[in-house]
Protein backbone atom coordinates (compact mmCIF):
# COMPACT_ATOMS: atom_id res chain seq x y z
CA UNK A 1 -35.20 149.16 -72.86
CA UNK A 2 -36.78 152.52 -72.49
CA UNK A 3 -34.61 153.74 -69.60
CA UNK A 4 -31.35 153.01 -71.48
CA UNK A 5 -32.70 154.66 -74.66
CA UNK A 6 -33.69 157.77 -72.69
CA UNK A 7 -30.14 157.89 -71.17
CA UNK A 8 -28.58 157.47 -74.58
CA UNK A 9 -30.56 160.32 -75.99
CA UNK A 10 -30.25 162.87 -73.21
CA UNK A 11 -27.03 161.84 -71.55
CA UNK A 12 -23.84 163.84 -71.61
CA UNK A 13 -20.37 162.33 -72.09
CA UNK A 14 -17.60 162.70 -69.59
CA UNK A 15 -15.60 164.78 -72.04
CA UNK A 16 -18.28 167.53 -72.06
CA UNK A 17 -18.90 167.40 -68.35
CA UNK A 18 -15.16 167.45 -67.55
CA UNK A 19 -14.76 170.52 -69.73
CA UNK A 20 -17.74 172.24 -68.12
CA UNK A 21 -16.50 171.71 -64.56
CA UNK A 22 -12.69 172.28 -65.35
CA UNK A 23 -11.71 168.61 -64.71
CA UNK A 24 -8.61 167.49 -66.38
CA UNK A 25 -8.71 163.72 -65.54
CA UNK A 26 -9.51 161.91 -68.78
CA UNK A 27 -11.38 159.14 -66.92
CA UNK A 28 -14.74 159.79 -65.26
CA UNK A 29 -14.91 159.20 -61.54
CA UNK A 30 -17.22 156.24 -62.01
CA UNK A 31 -14.86 154.30 -64.41
CA UNK A 32 -13.16 152.37 -61.61
CA UNK A 33 -16.54 151.29 -60.15
CA UNK A 34 -17.65 150.16 -63.71
CA UNK A 35 -14.54 148.09 -64.19
CA UNK A 36 -14.90 146.55 -60.74
CA UNK A 37 -18.59 145.76 -61.33
CA UNK A 38 -17.59 143.92 -64.55
CA UNK A 39 -14.90 141.95 -62.68
CA UNK A 40 -17.19 141.08 -59.78
CA UNK A 41 -20.00 139.86 -62.05
CA UNK A 42 -17.43 137.77 -63.93
CA UNK A 43 -16.21 135.99 -60.84
CA UNK A 44 -13.68 133.23 -61.60
CA UNK A 45 -14.30 133.53 -65.25
CA UNK A 46 -11.73 136.36 -65.18
CA UNK A 47 -8.90 133.94 -64.40
CA UNK A 48 -10.08 130.59 -65.89
CA UNK A 49 -9.98 129.59 -69.56
CA UNK A 50 -13.55 129.73 -70.86
CA UNK A 51 -13.89 125.97 -71.20
CA UNK A 52 -13.12 125.59 -67.46
CA UNK A 53 -15.81 128.09 -66.22
CA UNK A 54 -18.56 126.09 -64.53
CA UNK A 55 -21.95 127.28 -65.79
CA UNK A 56 -23.76 129.26 -63.02
CA UNK A 57 -20.51 129.87 -61.14
CA UNK A 58 -20.67 133.62 -61.89
CA UNK A 59 -23.37 136.19 -62.62
CA UNK A 60 -22.03 137.23 -65.97
CA UNK A 61 -18.95 135.41 -67.46
CA UNK A 62 -16.34 137.81 -68.81
CA UNK A 63 -16.22 136.32 -72.35
CA UNK A 64 -19.99 136.58 -72.62
CA UNK A 65 -20.15 140.08 -71.35
CA UNK A 66 -17.46 141.19 -73.71
CA UNK A 67 -19.14 139.65 -76.65
CA UNK A 68 -22.37 141.38 -75.70
CA UNK A 69 -20.55 144.60 -75.15
CA UNK A 70 -18.90 144.34 -78.53
CA UNK A 71 -22.26 143.60 -80.18
CA UNK A 72 -24.13 146.42 -78.42
CA UNK A 73 -21.21 148.87 -79.02
CA UNK A 74 -21.36 148.20 -82.75
CA UNK A 75 -25.15 148.51 -82.95
CA UNK A 76 -27.43 150.11 -80.36
CA UNK A 77 -24.72 152.23 -78.68
CA UNK A 78 -22.50 152.86 -81.63
CA UNK A 79 -23.00 156.66 -81.40
CA UNK A 80 -22.31 156.85 -77.65
CA UNK A 81 -18.76 157.81 -76.64
CA UNK A 82 -16.55 155.42 -74.63
CA UNK A 83 -16.73 154.81 -71.64
CA UNK A 84 -20.33 155.76 -71.51
CA UNK A 85 -20.96 153.12 -74.20
CA UNK A 86 -19.36 150.44 -71.89
CA UNK A 87 -21.63 151.61 -69.05
CA UNK A 88 -24.79 151.44 -71.11
CA UNK A 89 -23.78 148.01 -72.54
CA UNK A 90 -23.22 146.66 -69.06
CA UNK A 91 -26.56 147.93 -67.78
CA UNK A 92 -28.23 146.45 -70.95
CA UNK A 93 -26.56 143.10 -70.29
CA UNK A 94 -27.53 143.13 -66.60
CA UNK A 95 -31.15 143.83 -67.49
CA UNK A 96 -31.08 141.13 -70.19
CA UNK A 97 -29.78 138.50 -67.74
CA UNK A 98 -32.18 139.47 -64.99
CA UNK A 99 -29.58 140.83 -62.66
CA UNK A 100 -31.48 144.06 -62.31
CA UNK A 101 -34.64 145.34 -63.87
CA UNK A 102 -35.36 148.80 -65.28
CA UNK A 103 -37.52 149.87 -62.29
CA UNK A 104 -34.75 149.01 -59.74
CA UNK A 105 -32.09 150.75 -61.91
CA UNK A 106 -34.36 153.78 -62.11
CA UNK A 107 -34.78 153.83 -58.44
CA UNK A 108 -31.01 153.52 -57.75
CA UNK A 109 -30.23 156.30 -60.27
CA UNK A 110 -32.68 158.60 -58.45
CA UNK A 111 -31.00 157.88 -55.22
CA UNK A 112 -27.56 158.72 -56.62
CA UNK A 113 -28.98 161.90 -58.23
CA UNK A 114 -30.49 162.98 -54.85
CA UNK A 115 -27.15 162.38 -53.08
CA UNK A 116 -25.22 164.38 -55.66
CA UNK A 117 -27.70 167.33 -55.77
CA UNK A 118 -28.39 167.51 -52.04
CA UNK A 119 -25.07 169.39 -51.27
């Protein structure tokens, strides 16, 4: 996944950005949205035992997403700090499961960048 590899190589962690801009909050402003996205993709798998989750009832079951996140965090994204590692792992899983493709993710990232830099 070329896009995610590029982000991994050139991205900066929240710790560096917070220090640069004098922000003292230890959590990046996007962390809540990341957690909410994980919860929404998990649907009812967040509250049901794994054996009671109906296949196809949610976009990305929580147990499956967490297992993928653990695997990706130990391998591909091992050198990326948390929570950036969690964000990259989620994007990786969403691409892998066909929930978004790299072109759409690139387009959305450009839109966000334009909004943030247009001020």
